[in-house]
Amino acid sequence: MVTLCRRSLYLIALLPIALTACGGGDDAGSAAAGGGAADVAPVQIDNPGTITGSVAFTGTAPTLETIDMRDEPVCSDKHTEPPVQRTVVVNDNGTLSNVFVWVREGLTQSYPAQGEAPVLDQDGCLYQPRVLGVVSGQPFEIHNSDAVLHNVNAQPDANRGFNISQPQEGMTSERSFSTAEVMVPVQCDVHGWMTAYIGVVDHPYFAVTGGDGSFTIENLPPGDYVVEAWHEQYGTQTANVTVPPDGTVEAPFTYDAAAARNAIVPLGTPIDLHDHGAHVATVPTDAGDEE
């Protein structure tokens, strides 16, 4: 009897080890924190140069549509002013926010991602930021900062899509895209107004304009480049620049209110919370990935 008891205790002690070895821990792609990519030393470039500029806006800024969040008081309470669809954000200095600017042509080799993993957050039932840049193959994190169910539906053309749910506040998922693609639209199927775009490129030479409409792309090898600016409402523009050794070149862009208003990437029909009752995400049967 003593021998049997000792053997049982021994097996019980080994059980946690066996479970860990068999993958009994948290799934890194669901609720577990992704941990983020380790910092990478900056690429060593001989006599590097810089591209700077701003994205100007001319004409009358369009009126942004107000978002009705009455069905989500947890989110609406986070906003001091009525939230709006940020399709065209014109800054006080007459520039545009949320413009993705990247080096489209001219690089002769690939370059690794720099710094920590980029983060796409869901806060106040809005994606933060609305426009994000990542390097192909680089892990990025998706956070839920709201105490409500969110569903993240990425709809790329060149990459494998994914459709994941984050029902709890504080959840983190980690994903990546293997192929360059500008842009990948992201939508929340539960809250149809939630839209974001992810620019995937093969190098870290990109930027997104913010509250002053400016951008800076540093540490470039000297040479000739084609720089492209992308905006979700007004489309793309390009500029040819020559980056001097240890110098700076400007690449200004201007968008006009009279430009074509066709969306670059159309999104699906949002779910009507009034018709669906509980906040349950409808996941397409052909979704590339699901949790």
C-alpha atoms as a PDB file:
ATOM      1  CA  MET A   1       0.000   0.000   0.000  1.00  0.00           C
ATOM      2  CA  VAL A   2       2.836   2.393   0.793  1.00  0.00           C
ATOM      3  CA  THR A   3       4.490   1.609  -2.514  1.00  0.00           C
ATOM      4  CA  LEU A   4       1.243   2.331  -4.396  1.00  0.00           C
ATOM      5  CA  CYS A   5       0.755   5.661  -2.626  1.00  0.00           C
ATOM      6  CA  ARG A   6       4.285   6.777  -3.370  1.00  0.00           C
ATOM      7  CA  ARG A   7       3.870   5.880  -7.047  1.00  0.00           C
ATOM      8  CA  SER A   8       0.612   7.851  -7.215  1.00  0.00           C
ATOM      9  CA  LEU A   9       2.224  10.909  -5.661  1.00  0.00           C
ATOM     10  CA  TYR A  10       5.079  10.623  -8.125  1.00  0.00           C
ATOM     11  CA  LEU A  11       2.705  10.552 -11.088  1.00  0.00           C
ATOM     12  CA  ILE A  12       0.748  13.530  -9.738  1.00  0.00           C
ATOM     13  CA  ALA A  13       3.955  15.514  -9.384  1.00  0.00           C
ATOM     14  CA  LEU A  14       4.878  14.789 -13.017  1.00  0.00           C
ATOM     15  CA  LEU A  15       1.451  15.747 -14.379  1.00  0.00           C
ATOM     16  CA  PRO A  16       2.054  19.533 -14.674  1.00  0.00           C
ATOM     17  CA  ILE A  17       5.330  18.886 -16.510  1.00  0.00           C
ATOM     18  CA  ALA A  18       3.613  16.554 -18.950  1.00  0.00           C
ATOM     19  CA  LEU A  19       0.824  19.037 -19.599  1.00  0.00           C
ATOM     20  CA  THR A  20       3.323  21.811 -20.302  1.00  0.00           C
ATOM     21  CA  ALA A  21       5.293  19.630 -22.684  1.00  0.00           C
ATOM     22  CA  CYS A  22       2.110  18.736 -24.553  1.00  0.00           C
ATOM     23  CA  GLY A  23       1.130  22.370 -25.037  1.00  0.00           C
ATOM     24  CA  GLY A  24      -1.267  22.683 -22.141  1.00  0.00           C
ATOM     25  CA  GLY A  25      -0.357  26.338 -21.602  1.00  0.00           C
ATOM     26  CA  ASP A  26      -2.043  29.469 -22.986  1.00  0.00           C
ATOM     27  CA  ASP A  27      -2.447  29.952 -26.721  1.00  0.00           C
ATOM     28  CA  ALA A  28      -0.200  32.847 -27.756  1.00  0.00           C
ATOM     29  CA  GLY A  29      -2.645  33.749 -30.506  1.00  0.00           C
ATOM     30  CA  SER A  30      -5.653  34.238 -28.223  1.00  0.00           C
ATOM     31  CA  ALA A  31      -5.787  35.649 -24.715  1.00  0.00           C
ATOM     32  CA  ALA A  32      -2.104  35.305 -23.877  1.00  0.00           C
ATOM     33  CA  ALA A  33       0.139  38.332 -24.276  1.00  0.00           C
ATOM     34  CA  GLY A  34       2.305  38.141 -27.360  1.00  0.00           C
ATOM     35  CA  GLY A  35       5.353  39.510 -25.559  1.00  0.00           C
ATOM     36  CA  GLY A  36       6.430  41.650 -28.517  1.00  0.00           C
ATOM     37  CA  ALA A  37       9.389  41.338 -30.813  1.00  0.00           C
ATOM     38  CA  ALA A  38      12.822  41.937 -29.388  1.00  0.00           C
ATOM     39  CA  ASP A  39      14.570  45.182 -30.239  1.00  0.00           C
ATOM     40  CA  VAL A  40      16.723  44.954 -33.365  1.00  0.00           C
ATOM     41  CA  ALA A  41      19.906  46.950 -33.742  1.00  0.00           C
ATOM     42  CA  PRO A  42      19.526  49.745 -36.317  1.00  0.00           C
ATOM     43  CA  VAL A  43      20.724  48.848 -39.800  1.00  0.00           C
ATOM     44  CA  GLN A  44      24.191  50.238 -40.417  1.00  0.00           C
ATOM     45  CA  ILE A  45      24.047  52.478 -43.507  1.00  0.00           C
ATOM     46  CA  ASP A  46      27.042  54.347 -44.887  1.00  0.00           C
ATOM     47  CA  ASN A  47      26.312  58.093 -45.044  1.00  0.00           C
ATOM     48  CA  PRO A  48      22.547  57.670 -44.514  1.00  0.00           C
ATOM     49  CA  GLY A  49      20.055  60.291 -45.585  1.00  0.00           C
ATOM     50  CA  THR A  50      16.522  61.315 -44.646  1.00  0.00           C
ATOM     51  CA  ILE A  51      13.252  62.013 -46.435  1.00  0.00           C
ATOM     52  CA  THR A  52      10.950  64.527 -44.777  1.00  0.00           C
ATOM     53  CA  GLY A  53       7.801  66.262 -45.823  1.00  0.00           C
ATOM     54  CA  SER A  54       4.177  66.972 -45.068  1.00  0.00           C
ATOM     55  CA  VAL A  55       0.819  66.170 -46.621  1.00  0.00           C
ATOM     56  CA  ALA A  56      -1.149  69.351 -47.279  1.00  0.00           C
ATOM     57  CA  PHE A  57      -4.908  69.573 -47.764  1.00  0.00           C
ATOM     58  CA  THR A  58      -6.644  72.218 -49.856  1.00  0.00           C
ATOM     59  CA  GLY A  59     -10.318  73.029 -50.157  1.00  0.00           C
ATOM     60  CA  THR A  60     -13.125  72.589 -47.658  1.00  0.00           C
ATOM     61  CA  ALA A  61     -12.756  69.733 -45.216  1.00  0.00           C
ATOM     62  CA  PRO A  62     -15.696  67.310 -45.376  1.00  0.00           C
ATOM     63  CA  THR A  63     -18.021  66.944 -42.410  1.00  0.00           C
ATOM     64  CA  LEU A  64     -17.248  63.704 -40.611  1.00  0.00           C
ATOM     65  CA  GLU A  65     -20.099  61.333 -39.824  1.00  0.00           C
ATOM     66  CA  THR A  66     -20.969  61.040 -36.131  1.00  0.00           C
ATOM     67  CA  ILE A  67     -20.866  57.494 -34.733  1.00  0.00           C
ATOM     68  CA  ASP A  68     -23.851  56.355 -32.685  1.00  0.00           C
ATOM     69  CA  MET A  69     -22.437  54.386 -29.737  1.00  0.00           C
ATOM     70  CA  ARG A  70     -25.534  54.423 -27.541  1.00  0.00           C
ATOM     71  CA  ASP A  71     -25.623  50.626 -27.594  1.00  0.00           C
ATOM     72  CA  GLU A  72     -22.086  50.541 -26.163  1.00  0.00           C
ATOM     73  CA  PRO A  73     -22.020  52.877 -23.130  1.00  0.00           C
ATOM     74  CA  VAL A  74     -18.672  51.393 -22.044  1.00  0.00           C
ATOM     75  CA  CYS A  75     -17.177  52.848 -25.211  1.00  0.00           C
ATOM     76  CA  SER A  76     -19.220  56.030 -25.505  1.00  0.00           C
ATOM     77  CA  ASP A  77     -18.253  57.004 -21.951  1.00  0.00           C
ATOM     78  CA  LYS A  78     -14.608  57.107 -23.059  1.00  0.00           C
ATOM     79  CA  HIS A  79     -15.284  59.991 -25.459  1.00  0.00           C
ATOM     80  CA  THR A  80     -15.538  63.565 -24.191  1.00  0.00           C
ATOM     81  CA  GLU A  81     -16.994  64.619 -27.568  1.00  0.00           C
ATOM     82  CA  PRO A  82     -19.250  62.686 -29.951  1.00  0.00           C
ATOM     83  CA  PRO A  83     -17.005  60.216 -31.828  1.00  0.00           C
ATOM     84  CA  VAL A  84     -16.778  60.556 -35.613  1.00  0.00           C
ATOM     85  CA  GLN A  85     -15.657  58.444 -38.540  1.00  0.00           C
ATOM     86  CA  ARG A  86     -12.059  59.514 -39.137  1.00  0.00           C
ATOM     87  CA  THR A  87     -12.030  59.037 -42.890  1.00  0.00           C
ATOM     88  CA  VAL A  88     -10.621  62.522 -43.608  1.00  0.00           C
ATOM     89  CA  VAL A  89      -8.873  64.117 -40.635  1.00  0.00           C
ATOM     90  CA  VAL A  90      -7.735  67.639 -41.506  1.00  0.00           C
ATOM     91  CA  ASN A  91      -5.383  69.193 -38.948  1.00  0.00           C
ATOM     92  CA  ASP A  92      -5.481  72.779 -37.729  1.00  0.00           C
ATOM     93  CA  ASN A  93      -2.472  73.632 -39.905  1.00  0.00           C
ATOM     94  CA  GLY A  94      -4.202  72.482 -43.102  1.00  0.00           C
ATOM     95  CA  THR A  95      -2.580  69.061 -43.354  1.00  0.00           C
ATOM     96  CA  LEU A  96      -3.902  65.495 -43.402  1.00  0.00           C
ATOM     97  CA  SER A  97      -3.540  62.835 -40.723  1.00  0.00           C
ATOM     98  CA  ASN A  98      -3.550  59.074 -41.350  1.00  0.00           C
ATOM     99  CA  VAL A  99      -1.583  59.201 -44.589  1.00  0.00           C
ATOM    100  CA  PHE A 100       0.727  56.223 -45.104  1.00  0.00           C
ATOM    101  CA  VAL A 101       3.998  57.330 -46.723  1.00  0.00           C
ATOM    102  CA  TRP A 102       6.509  54.709 -47.821  1.00  0.00           C
ATOM    103  CA  VAL A 103       9.445  54.103 -50.142  1.00  0.00           C
ATOM    104  CA  ARG A 104       7.862  52.233 -53.040  1.00  0.00           C
ATOM    105  CA  GLU A 105      10.881  51.915 -55.345  1.00  0.00           C
ATOM    106  CA  GLY A 106      14.647  52.333 -55.206  1.00  0.00           C
ATOM    107  CA  LEU A 107      15.818  50.003 -52.454  1.00  0.00           C
ATOM    108  CA  THR A 108      18.237  47.350 -53.705  1.00  0.00           C
ATOM    109  CA  GLN A 109      17.941  44.919 -50.791  1.00  0.00           C
ATOM    110  CA  SER A 110      15.577  43.930 -47.992  1.00  0.00           C
ATOM    111  CA  TYR A 111      15.899  45.364 -44.495  1.00  0.00           C
ATOM    112  CA  PRO A 112      14.671  43.921 -41.189  1.00  0.00           C
ATOM    113  CA  ALA A 113      12.011  45.394 -38.947  1.00  0.00           C
ATOM    114  CA  GLN A 114      13.206  47.774 -36.250  1.00  0.00           C
ATOM    115  CA  GLY A 115      12.123  48.164 -32.621  1.00  0.00           C
ATOM    116  CA  GLU A 116       9.243  46.565 -30.773  1.00  0.00           C
ATOM    117  CA  ALA A 117       6.149  44.952 -32.230  1.00  0.00           C
ATOM    118  CA  PRO A 118       3.623  47.488 -33.578  1.00  0.00           C
ATOM    119  CA  VAL A 119       0.275  47.591 -31.754  1.00  0.00           C
ATOM    120  CA  LEU A 120      -3.252  47.881 -33.119  1.00  0.00           C
ATOM    121  CA  ASP A 121      -5.478  48.707 -30.145  1.00  0.00           C
ATOM    122  CA  GLN A 122      -9.264  48.725 -29.784  1.00  0.00           C
ATOM    123  CA  ASP A 123     -10.110  51.564 -27.432  1.00  0.00           C
ATOM    124  CA  GLY A 124     -13.417  53.393 -27.152  1.00  0.00           C
ATOM    125  CA  CYS A 125     -14.756  51.140 -29.922  1.00  0.00           C
ATOM    126  CA  LEU A 126     -12.259  52.653 -32.353  1.00  0.00           C
ATOM    127  CA  TYR A 127      -9.060  51.236 -33.798  1.00  0.00           C
ATOM    128  CA  GLN A 128      -5.996  53.048 -32.523  1.00  0.00           C
ATOM    129  CA  PRO A 129      -4.230  53.938 -34.735  1.00  0.00           C
ATOM    130  CA  ARG A 130      -6.479  53.977 -37.772  1.00  0.00           C
ATOM    131  CA  VAL A 131      -3.463  53.485 -40.067  1.00  0.00           C
ATOM    132  CA  LEU A 132      -0.581  51.223 -39.044  1.00  0.00           C
ATOM    133  CA  GLY A 133       2.618  50.185 -40.801  1.00  0.00           C
ATOM    134  CA  VAL A 134       4.423  46.852 -40.379  1.00  0.00           C
ATOM    135  CA  VAL A 135       7.255  45.024 -42.106  1.00  0.00           C
ATOM    136  CA  SER A 136       6.403  41.772 -43.881  1.00  0.00           C
ATOM    137  CA  GLY A 137       6.997  38.874 -41.514  1.00  0.00           C
ATOM    138  CA  GLN A 138       7.067  41.183 -38.494  1.00  0.00           C
ATOM    139  CA  PRO A 139       4.770  40.177 -35.618  1.00  0.00           C
ATOM    140  CA  PHE A 140       2.327  42.854 -34.517  1.00  0.00           C
ATOM    141  CA  GLU A 141      -0.021  42.849 -31.543  1.00  0.00           C
ATOM    142  CA  ILE A 142      -3.768  43.396 -31.412  1.00  0.00           C
ATOM    143  CA  HIS A 143      -5.087  44.638 -28.060  1.00  0.00           C
ATOM    144  CA  ASN A 144      -8.575  45.004 -26.642  1.00  0.00           C
ATOM    145  CA  SER A 145      -8.739  47.930 -24.203  1.00  0.00           C
ATOM    146  CA  ASP A 146     -12.553  47.839 -24.023  1.00  0.00           C
ATOM    147  CA  ALA A 147     -14.711  45.762 -21.697  1.00  0.00           C
ATOM    148  CA  VAL A 148     -16.814  44.613 -24.672  1.00  0.00           C
ATOM    149  CA  LEU A 149     -16.572  41.961 -27.361  1.00  0.00           C
ATOM    150  CA  HIS A 150     -14.544  42.937 -30.406  1.00  0.00           C
ATOM    151  CA  ASN A 151     -13.870  40.910 -33.521  1.00  0.00           C
ATOM    152  CA  VAL A 152     -10.889  41.639 -35.761  1.00  0.00           C
ATOM    153  CA  ASN A 153     -11.483  40.773 -39.405  1.00  0.00           C
ATOM    154  CA  ALA A 154      -8.436  41.396 -41.635  1.00  0.00           C
ATOM    155  CA  GLN A 155      -9.259  41.177 -45.353  1.00  0.00           C
ATOM    156  CA  PRO A 156      -6.031  41.186 -47.400  1.00  0.00           C
ATOM    157  CA  ASP A 157      -5.658  40.222 -51.047  1.00  0.00           C
ATOM    158  CA  ALA A 158      -2.038  39.031 -51.145  1.00  0.00           C
ATOM    159  CA  ASN A 159      -1.837  37.627 -47.610  1.00  0.00           C
ATOM    160  CA  ARG A 160      -3.805  35.109 -45.604  1.00  0.00           C
ATOM    161  CA  GLY A 161      -6.637  36.810 -43.758  1.00  0.00           C
ATOM    162  CA  PHE A 162      -7.736  36.215 -40.208  1.00  0.00           C
ATOM    163  CA  ASN A 163     -10.910  36.704 -38.213  1.00  0.00           C
ATOM    164  CA  ILE A 164     -10.451  36.538 -34.438  1.00  0.00           C
ATOM    165  CA  SER A 165     -12.602  37.430 -31.453  1.00  0.00           C
ATOM    166  CA  GLN A 166     -11.469  39.238 -28.317  1.00  0.00           C
ATOM    167  CA  PRO A 167     -14.400  39.129 -25.871  1.00  0.00           C
ATOM    168  CA  GLN A 168     -12.557  40.441 -22.805  1.00  0.00           C
ATOM    169  CA  GLU A 169     -10.734  43.601 -21.848  1.00  0.00           C
ATOM    170  CA  GLY A 170      -6.976  43.194 -21.766  1.00  0.00           C
ATOM    171  CA  MET A 171      -6.756  40.432 -24.371  1.00  0.00           C
ATOM    172  CA  THR A 172      -3.817  40.399 -26.764  1.00  0.00           C
ATOM    173  CA  SER A 173      -3.324  38.464 -29.992  1.00  0.00           C
ATOM    174  CA  GLU A 174      -0.259  38.342 -32.201  1.00  0.00           C
ATOM    175  CA  ARG A 175      -0.319  38.115 -35.993  1.00  0.00           C
ATOM    176  CA  SER A 176       1.894  38.864 -39.003  1.00  0.00           C
ATOM    177  CA  PHE A 177       1.658  39.187 -42.784  1.00  0.00           C
ATOM    178  CA  SER A 178       4.234  37.432 -44.957  1.00  0.00           C
ATOM    179  CA  THR A 179       3.836  39.471 -48.152  1.00  0.00           C
ATOM    180  CA  ALA A 180       4.027  43.185 -48.900  1.00  0.00           C
ATOM    181  CA  GLU A 181       0.571  44.700 -49.406  1.00  0.00           C
ATOM    182  CA  VAL A 182      -0.603  48.316 -49.294  1.00  0.00           C
ATOM    183  CA  MET A 183      -3.160  48.333 -47.759  1.00  0.00           C
ATOM    184  CA  VAL A 184      -4.825  45.577 -45.703  1.00  0.00           C
ATOM    185  CA  PRO A 185      -8.287  46.643 -44.467  1.00  0.00           C
ATOM    186  CA  VAL A 186      -9.381  45.616 -40.978  1.00  0.00           C
ATOM    187  CA  GLN A 187     -12.950  45.700 -39.735  1.00  0.00           C
ATOM    188  CA  CYS A 188     -14.844  44.774 -36.574  1.00  0.00           C
ATOM    189  CA  ASP A 189     -17.895  42.719 -37.570  1.00  0.00           C
ATOM    190  CA  VAL A 190     -19.590  43.586 -34.265  1.00  0.00           C
ATOM    191  CA  HIS A 191     -19.139  47.365 -34.571  1.00  0.00           C
ATOM    192  CA  GLY A 192     -19.454  48.231 -38.240  1.00  0.00           C
ATOM    193  CA  TRP A 193     -17.948  51.701 -37.856  1.00  0.00           C
ATOM    194  CA  MET A 194     -14.601  50.298 -36.684  1.00  0.00           C
ATOM    195  CA  THR A 195     -12.134  50.437 -39.575  1.00  0.00           C
ATOM    196  CA  ALA A 196      -8.342  50.371 -39.785  1.00  0.00           C
ATOM    197  CA  TYR A 197      -5.717  49.855 -42.463  1.00  0.00           C
ATOM    198  CA  ILE A 198      -2.358  48.103 -42.204  1.00  0.00           C
ATOM    199  CA  GLY A 199       0.420  48.879 -44.664  1.00  0.00           C
ATOM    200  CA  VAL A 200       2.735  45.883 -45.135  1.00  0.00           C
ATOM    201  CA  VAL A 201       6.090  46.566 -46.799  1.00  0.00           C
ATOM    202  CA  ASP A 202       9.395  44.718 -47.112  1.00  0.00           C
ATOM    203  CA  HIS A 203      11.416  47.301 -45.207  1.00  0.00           C
ATOM    204  CA  PRO A 204      11.087  49.757 -42.308  1.00  0.00           C
ATOM    205  CA  TYR A 205      11.140  52.882 -44.486  1.00  0.00           C
ATOM    206  CA  PHE A 206       7.621  54.189 -43.966  1.00  0.00           C
ATOM    207  CA  ALA A 207       5.717  56.641 -41.772  1.00  0.00           C
ATOM    208  CA  VAL A 208       2.136  57.684 -40.954  1.00  0.00           C
ATOM    209  CA  THR A 209       1.236  61.359 -40.693  1.00  0.00           C
ATOM    210  CA  GLY A 210      -0.195  62.576 -37.397  1.00  0.00           C
ATOM    211  CA  GLY A 211      -1.533  65.777 -35.894  1.00  0.00           C
ATOM    212  CA  ASP A 212       0.789  68.077 -37.850  1.00  0.00           C
ATOM    213  CA  GLY A 213       0.663  66.192 -41.161  1.00  0.00           C
ATOM    214  CA  SER A 214       4.414  65.664 -41.288  1.00  0.00           C
ATOM    215  CA  PHE A 215       6.500  62.546 -41.817  1.00  0.00           C
ATOM    216  CA  THR A 216      10.162  61.573 -41.540  1.00  0.00           C
ATOM    217  CA  ILE A 217      11.852  58.498 -43.012  1.00  0.00           C
ATOM    218  CA  GLU A 218      15.400  58.149 -41.716  1.00  0.00           C
ATOM    219  CA  ASN A 219      18.533  56.033 -42.184  1.00  0.00           C
ATOM    220  CA  LEU A 220      18.135  55.563 -45.932  1.00  0.00           C
ATOM    221  CA  PRO A 221      21.019  54.634 -48.217  1.00  0.00           C
ATOM    222  CA  PRO A 222      21.805  57.545 -50.552  1.00  0.00           C
ATOM    223  CA  GLY A 223      20.109  57.158 -53.922  1.00  0.00           C
ATOM    224  CA  ASP A 224      17.051  57.739 -56.078  1.00  0.00           C
ATOM    225  CA  TYR A 225      13.635  56.710 -54.757  1.00  0.00           C
ATOM    226  CA  VAL A 226       9.949  56.759 -55.551  1.00  0.00           C
ATOM    227  CA  VAL A 227       7.960  57.723 -52.463  1.00  0.00           C
ATOM    228  CA  GLU A 228       4.244  57.014 -52.331  1.00  0.00           C
ATOM    229  CA  ALA A 229       1.563  58.606 -50.144  1.00  0.00           C
ATOM    230  CA  TRP A 230      -1.662  56.625 -49.545  1.00  0.00           C
ATOM    231  CA  HIS A 231      -4.921  57.987 -48.163  1.00  0.00           C
ATOM    232  CA  GLU A 232      -8.054  55.897 -47.736  1.00  0.00           C
ATOM    233  CA  GLN A 233     -10.366  58.504 -49.288  1.00  0.00           C
ATOM    234  CA  TYR A 234      -8.182  60.388 -51.766  1.00  0.00           C
ATOM    235  CA  GLY A 235      -5.956  57.640 -53.145  1.00  0.00           C
ATOM    236  CA  THR A 236      -2.231  57.606 -53.865  1.00  0.00           C
ATOM    237  CA  GLN A 237       0.384  60.071 -55.042  1.00  0.00           C
ATOM    238  CA  THR A 238       4.066  59.567 -55.838  1.00  0.00           C
ATOM    239  CA  ALA A 239       7.148  61.734 -55.720  1.00  0.00           C
ATOM    240  CA  ASN A 240      10.657  61.168 -57.087  1.00  0.00           C
ATOM    241  CA  VAL A 241      13.447  62.155 -54.732  1.00  0.00           C
ATOM    242  CA  THR A 242      17.215  61.842 -54.525  1.00  0.00           C
ATOM    243  CA  VAL A 243      18.497  61.196 -51.008  1.00  0.00           C
ATOM    244  CA  PRO A 244      21.928  62.811 -50.566  1.00  0.00           C
ATOM    245  CA  PRO A 245      24.669  61.308 -48.386  1.00  0.00           C
ATOM    246  CA  ASP A 246      24.279  62.574 -44.810  1.00  0.00           C
ATOM    247  CA  GLY A 247      21.565  64.925 -46.012  1.00  0.00           C
ATOM    248  CA  THR A 248      17.817  65.509 -46.156  1.00  0.00           C
ATOM    249  CA  VAL A 249      15.418  65.808 -49.056  1.00  0.00           C
ATOM    250  CA  GLU A 250      11.802  66.958 -48.933  1.00  0.00           C
ATOM    251  CA  ALA A 251       8.870  65.127 -50.526  1.00  0.00           C
ATOM    252  CA  PRO A 252       5.776  67.314 -50.155  1.00  0.00           C
ATOM    253  CA  PHE A 253       2.318  66.027 -51.080  1.00  0.00           C
ATOM    254  CA  THR A 254      -0.992  67.852 -51.502  1.00  0.00           C
ATOM    255  CA  TYR A 255      -4.507  66.423 -51.566  1.00  0.00           C
ATOM    256  CA  ASP A 256      -7.452  68.490 -52.735  1.00  0.00           C
ATOM    257  CA  ALA A 257     -11.026  68.261 -51.475  1.00  0.00           C
ATOM    258  CA  ALA A 258     -12.226  67.959 -55.071  1.00  0.00           C
ATOM    259  CA  ALA A 259     -10.252  64.711 -55.571  1.00  0.00           C
ATOM    260  CA  ALA A 260     -12.134  61.507 -56.299  1.00  0.00           C
ATOM    261  CA  ARG A 261     -13.800  60.142 -53.160  1.00  0.00           C
ATOM    262  CA  ASN A 262     -13.830  56.475 -54.130  1.00  0.00           C
ATOM    263  CA  ALA A 263     -12.624  54.339 -51.240  1.00  0.00           C
ATOM    264  CA  ILE A 264      -9.379  52.507 -51.986  1.00  0.00           C
ATOM    265  CA  VAL A 265     -10.511  49.295 -50.292  1.00  0.00           C
ATOM    266  CA  PRO A 266     -14.270  48.672 -49.954  1.00  0.00           C
ATOM    267  CA  LEU A 267     -15.386  46.965 -46.768  1.00  0.00           C
ATOM    268  CA  GLY A 268     -18.266  44.611 -46.054  1.00  0.00           C
ATOM    269  CA  THR A 269     -21.693  45.407 -44.689  1.00  0.00           C
ATOM    270  CA  PRO A 270     -21.598  46.095 -40.936  1.00  0.00           C
ATOM    271  CA  ILE A 271     -23.705  44.140 -38.462  1.00  0.00           C
ATOM    272  CA  ASP A 272     -26.761  45.953 -37.071  1.00  0.00           C
ATOM    273  CA  LEU A 273     -26.680  45.525 -33.298  1.00  0.00           C
ATOM    274  CA  HIS A 274     -30.431  46.147 -33.071  1.00  0.00           C
ATOM    275  CA  ASP A 275     -31.165  43.161 -35.313  1.00  0.00           C
ATOM    276  CA  HIS A 276     -28.677  40.808 -33.734  1.00  0.00           C
ATOM    277  CA  GLY A 277     -29.487  41.390 -30.075  1.00  0.00           C
ATOM    278  CA  ALA A 278     -26.511  40.128 -28.107  1.00  0.00           C
ATOM    279  CA  HIS A 279     -23.074  41.208 -29.255  1.00  0.00           C
ATOM    280  CA  VAL A 280     -22.194  38.068 -31.177  1.00  0.00           C
ATOM    281  CA  ALA A 281     -19.786  38.248 -34.109  1.00  0.00           C
ATOM    282  CA  THR A 282     -20.778  36.509 -37.310  1.00  0.00           C
ATOM    283  CA  VAL A 283     -17.691  34.787 -38.720  1.00  0.00           C
ATOM    284  CA  PRO A 284     -17.677  33.895 -42.428  1.00  0.00           C
ATOM    285  CA  THR A 285     -17.246  30.192 -43.106  1.00  0.00           C
ATOM    286  CA  ASP A 286     -14.320  30.868 -45.413  1.00  0.00           C
ATOM    287  CA  ALA A 287     -12.376  32.989 -42.900  1.00  0.00           C
ATOM    288  CA  GLY A 288      -8.669  32.402 -43.136  1.00  0.00           C
ATOM    289  CA  ASP A 289      -8.183  31.980 -39.390  1.00  0.00           C
ATOM    290  CA  GLU A 290     -10.518  31.858 -36.429  1.00  0.00           C
ATOM    291  CA  GLU A 291     -10.377  31.886 -32.667  1.00  0.00           C
END
